[in-house]
Amino acid sequence: MYIEILFFILCFYYTLTFIENLHNEDKRVTKQAKYAAIVCLILAFIFLVV
């Protein structure tokens, strides 16, 4: 149960990082934060179901 909470928190963090870097126009970090947020959200849902 705690692993899902951790992944949701990481997803929220990477989403905020993504939005922050959109304003800074740093394309590399923006792309990495976007993919990290997506992966964390997917893992959270997978661990939630399992």
C-alpha atoms as a PDB file:
ATOM      1  CA  MET A   1       0.000   0.000   0.000  1.00  0.00           C
ATOM      2  CA  TYR A   2       2.811   2.417   0.785  1.00  0.00           C
ATOM      3  CA  ILE A   3       4.494   1.922  -2.573  1.00  0.00           C
ATOM      4  CA  GLU A   4       1.417   3.308  -4.385  1.00  0.00           C
ATOM      5  CA  ILE A   5       1.456   6.410  -2.223  1.00  0.00           C
ATOM      6  CA  LEU A   6       5.151   6.866  -2.949  1.00  0.00           C
ATOM      7  CA  PHE A   7       4.571   6.606  -6.703  1.00  0.00           C
ATOM      8  CA  PHE A   8       1.651   9.073  -6.571  1.00  0.00           C
ATOM      9  CA  ILE A   9       3.824  11.563  -4.672  1.00  0.00           C
ATOM     10  CA  LEU A  10       6.635  11.105  -7.202  1.00  0.00           C
ATOM     11  CA  CYS A  11       4.153  11.566 -10.026  1.00  0.00           C
ATOM     12  CA  PHE A  12       2.951  14.824  -8.490  1.00  0.00           C
ATOM     13  CA  TYR A  13       6.546  16.003  -8.001  1.00  0.00           C
ATOM     14  CA  TYR A  14       7.551  15.225 -11.587  1.00  0.00           C
ATOM     15  CA  THR A  15       4.374  16.866 -12.888  1.00  0.00           C
ATOM     16  CA  LEU A  16       5.238  20.062 -11.019  1.00  0.00           C
ATOM     17  CA  THR A  17       8.809  19.832 -12.326  1.00  0.00           C
ATOM     18  CA  PHE A  18       7.433  19.415 -15.850  1.00  0.00           C
ATOM     19  CA  ILE A  19       5.252  22.521 -15.530  1.00  0.00           C
ATOM     20  CA  GLU A  20       8.098  24.540 -14.019  1.00  0.00           C
ATOM     21  CA  ASN A  21      10.478  23.583 -16.834  1.00  0.00           C
ATOM     22  CA  LEU A  22       7.871  24.394 -19.469  1.00  0.00           C
ATOM     23  CA  HIS A  23       8.166  28.017 -18.409  1.00  0.00           C
ATOM     24  CA  ASN A  24      11.969  27.844 -18.434  1.00  0.00           C
ATOM     25  CA  GLU A  25      11.920  26.336 -21.937  1.00  0.00           C
ATOM     26  CA  ASP A  26      14.435  23.634 -21.017  1.00  0.00           C
ATOM     27  CA  LYS A  27      13.364  20.949 -23.474  1.00  0.00           C
ATOM     28  CA  ARG A  28      15.584  18.118 -22.228  1.00  0.00           C
ATOM     29  CA  VAL A  29      14.543  18.394 -18.580  1.00  0.00           C
ATOM     30  CA  THR A  30      10.913  18.953 -19.589  1.00  0.00           C
ATOM     31  CA  LYS A  31      10.888  15.760 -21.617  1.00  0.00           C
ATOM     32  CA  GLN A  32      12.530  13.765 -18.818  1.00  0.00           C
ATOM     33  CA  ALA A  33      10.094  15.071 -16.198  1.00  0.00           C
ATOM     34  CA  LYS A  34       7.124  14.274 -18.437  1.00  0.00           C
ATOM     35  CA  TYR A  35       8.248  10.692 -18.967  1.00  0.00           C
ATOM     36  CA  ALA A  36       9.081  10.244 -15.277  1.00  0.00           C
ATOM     37  CA  ALA A  37       5.609  11.465 -14.259  1.00  0.00           C
ATOM     38  CA  ILE A  38       3.940   9.093 -16.715  1.00  0.00           C
ATOM     39  CA  VAL A  39       6.009   6.113 -15.573  1.00  0.00           C
ATOM     40  CA  CYS A  40       5.345   6.840 -11.893  1.00  0.00           C
ATOM     41  CA  LEU A  41       1.617   7.137 -12.507  1.00  0.00           C
ATOM     42  CA  ILE A  42       1.530   3.860 -14.450  1.00  0.00           C
ATOM     43  CA  LEU A  43       3.515   2.069 -11.732  1.00  0.00           C
ATOM     44  CA  ALA A  44       1.223   3.455  -9.042  1.00  0.00           C
ATOM     45  CA  PHE A  45      -1.837   2.096 -10.824  1.00  0.00           C
ATOM     46  CA  ILE A  46      -0.167  -1.257 -11.468  1.00  0.00           C
ATOM     47  CA  PHE A  47       0.774  -1.680  -7.806  1.00  0.00           C
ATOM     48  CA  LEU A  48      -2.689  -0.510  -6.781  1.00  0.00           C
ATOM     49  CA  VAL A  49      -4.351  -3.254  -8.831  1.00  0.00           C
ATOM     50  CA  VAL A  50      -1.912  -5.998  -7.866  1.00  0.00           C
END
